[in-house]
Amino acid sequence: MTDTDDLAVRYRDAVERQDLTTLATLYHPDVLLDAHVPNWRFQVIGRTEVARITGGALPGPGRFERFDAEPTADGDLLVQFQWRQHSEVRTGALARQLHVLRVEAGRIVAQTLFCAGVWDPELQQQMATDAPLVQP
């Protein structure tokens, strides 16, 4: 397992457990997050704040239905995932995100987040009816 593979596994586990303390340890202290969310863009600096936003960008407790991490030629990581909310209060909301993680000396020094939004079950049904996927 490479350092990048290990980082991807630790990132996935911390996000899935919503363990923001562990997630923060994966970041450089001065990490920059550049977040692109529906109809908005913002940036923050600092490992605690980046971990809080990364964990908070998910629609509540849930699990990954898909998680793909691809190292780049430069040693960075491209992470794409699909998250499904599961809780006693609400189930079924879905989020798809792409994260570009710039890695130096085993730590994430910059993260660019692209989020397509959070889709509730009704919107997912409408998309399935009005715009069925060619490939899931």
Protein backbone atom coordinates (compact mmCIF):
# COMPACT_ATOMS: atom_id res chain seq x y z
CA MET A 1 0.00 0.00 0.00
CA THR A 2 1.38 3.42 -0.97
CA ASP A 3 1.28 6.50 1.21
CA THR A 4 -1.46 7.90 -1.03
CA ASP A 5 -3.50 4.68 -0.72
CA ASP A 6 -3.12 4.81 3.07
CA LEU A 7 -4.19 8.46 3.13
CA ALA A 8 -7.26 7.63 1.02
CA VAL A 9 -8.29 4.85 3.41
CA ARG A 10 -7.81 7.05 6.48
CA TYR A 11 -9.72 9.90 4.79
CA ARG A 12 -12.60 7.58 3.87
CA ASP A 13 -12.80 6.05 7.36
CA ALA A 14 -12.73 9.41 9.15
CA VAL A 15 -15.39 10.91 6.86
CA GLU A 16 -17.62 7.84 7.09
CA ARG A 17 -17.42 7.84 10.90
CA GLN A 18 -17.76 11.64 10.83
CA ASP A 19 -14.71 11.67 13.10
CA LEU A 20 -13.66 15.27 12.58
CA THR A 21 -10.79 15.06 15.07
CA THR A 22 -9.13 12.24 13.13
CA LEU A 23 -9.96 13.88 9.81
CA ALA A 24 -8.23 17.09 10.95
CA THR A 25 -4.98 15.18 11.58
CA LEU A 26 -4.79 14.34 7.86
CA TYR A 27 -4.51 18.01 6.96
CA HIS A 28 -1.57 20.41 7.09
CA PRO A 29 -2.25 23.09 9.74
CA ASP A 30 -2.64 25.77 7.03
CA VAL A 31 -4.68 23.68 4.57
CA LEU A 32 -6.84 25.65 2.13
CA LEU A 33 -10.34 24.46 1.24
CA ASP A 34 -11.85 25.86 -1.96
CA ALA A 35 -15.49 24.71 -1.94
CA HIS A 36 -17.81 24.81 -4.95
CA VAL A 37 -21.37 24.04 -3.88
CA PRO A 38 -24.64 24.72 -5.71
CA ASN A 39 -24.87 28.44 -6.46
CA TRP A 40 -22.00 29.31 -4.10
CA ARG A 41 -18.22 29.24 -3.66
CA PHE A 42 -16.19 29.88 -0.52
CA GLN A 43 -12.75 29.25 0.96
CA VAL A 44 -11.43 28.56 4.46
CA ILE A 45 -7.99 27.94 5.91
CA GLY A 46 -7.06 25.65 8.79
CA ARG A 47 -7.32 21.93 9.52
CA THR A 48 -10.11 22.13 12.10
CA GLU A 49 -12.32 24.32 9.91
CA VAL A 50 -11.66 22.24 6.76
CA ALA A 51 -12.48 19.01 8.63
CA ARG A 52 -15.68 20.57 10.02
CA ILE A 53 -16.85 21.65 6.58
CA THR A 54 -15.83 18.39 4.89
CA GLY A 55 -17.78 16.37 7.46
CA GLY A 56 -20.65 18.87 7.48
CA ALA A 57 -21.08 18.77 3.69
CA LEU A 58 -22.81 15.40 3.99
CA PRO A 59 -26.57 15.03 4.49
CA GLY A 60 -26.42 13.66 8.02
CA PRO A 61 -25.39 10.23 9.29
CA GLY A 62 -25.09 7.65 6.56
CA ARG A 63 -22.64 5.64 4.53
CA PHE A 64 -20.74 5.63 1.27
CA GLU A 65 -22.50 3.82 -1.52
CA ARG A 66 -19.49 4.50 -3.70
CA PHE A 67 -16.01 5.77 -2.91
CA ASP A 68 -13.27 5.97 -5.52
CA ALA A 69 -9.82 7.41 -4.82
CA GLU A 70 -7.39 7.78 -7.72
CA PRO A 71 -3.83 8.99 -7.24
CA THR A 72 -2.56 11.46 -9.82
CA ALA A 73 0.87 11.42 -11.46
CA ASP A 74 1.92 14.18 -8.99
CA GLY A 75 0.98 12.09 -5.93
CA ASP A 76 -2.26 13.93 -5.24
CA LEU A 77 -5.68 12.27 -4.86
CA LEU A 78 -8.92 12.57 -6.76
CA VAL A 79 -11.76 11.35 -4.54
CA GLN A 80 -15.26 10.84 -5.91
CA PHE A 81 -18.06 9.49 -3.79
CA GLN A 82 -21.76 8.98 -3.37
CA TRP A 83 -23.15 9.30 0.17
CA ARG A 84 -26.56 8.03 1.26
CA GLN A 85 -28.15 9.38 4.43
CA HIS A 86 -29.46 6.83 6.94
CA SER A 87 -30.85 7.99 10.25
CA GLU A 88 -33.88 7.49 12.44
CA VAL A 89 -35.13 10.93 11.48
CA ARG A 90 -34.63 10.78 7.72
CA THR A 91 -33.38 8.28 5.18
CA GLY A 92 -32.55 8.45 1.54
CA ALA A 93 -30.98 11.85 0.86
CA LEU A 94 -28.09 11.46 -1.56
CA ALA A 95 -24.96 13.53 -2.18
CA ARG A 96 -22.33 13.18 -4.92
CA GLN A 97 -19.02 14.95 -4.48
CA LEU A 98 -15.59 15.24 -6.06
CA HIS A 99 -12.61 16.25 -3.94
CA VAL A 100 -9.19 17.14 -5.32
CA LEU A 101 -6.68 16.62 -2.51
CA ARG A 102 -3.23 18.14 -3.00
CA VAL A 103 -0.79 16.12 -0.92
CA GLU A 104 2.68 17.05 0.30
CA ALA A 105 4.75 15.00 2.74
CA GLY A 106 1.78 12.76 3.52
CA ARG A 107 -0.60 15.59 4.48
CA ILE A 108 -3.40 17.28 2.59
CA VAL A 109 -2.25 20.87 1.94
CA ALA A 110 -5.17 21.94 -0.28
CA GLN A 111 -8.62 20.55 -0.99
CA THR A 112 -10.99 21.57 -3.75
CA LEU A 113 -14.54 20.32 -3.20
CA PHE A 114 -17.20 20.09 -5.89
CA CYS A 115 -20.67 19.20 -4.62
CA ALA A 116 -23.67 18.63 -6.89
CA GLY A 117 -26.03 19.25 -3.98
CA VAL A 118 -28.10 17.06 -1.70
CA TRP A 119 -30.98 15.29 -3.41
CA ASP A 120 -33.94 14.20 -1.30
CA PRO A 121 -35.85 11.03 -2.28
CA GLU A 122 -38.54 13.01 -4.12
CA LEU A 123 -35.97 14.78 -6.32
CA GLN A 124 -34.19 11.48 -6.97
CA GLN A 125 -37.49 10.00 -8.16
CA GLN A 126 -38.16 12.99 -10.39
CA MET A 127 -34.67 12.70 -11.93
CA ALA A 128 -35.18 8.96 -12.50
CA THR A 129 -38.45 9.70 -14.32
CA ASP A 130 -37.45 12.84 -16.23
CA ALA A 131 -33.79 12.12 -16.92
CA PRO A 132 -33.01 8.40 -16.54
CA LEU A 133 -29.32 7.64 -16.30
CA VAL A 134 -27.60 5.92 -19.20
CA GLN A 135 -24.98 4.55 -16.81
CA PRO A 136 -25.48 4.48 -13.02
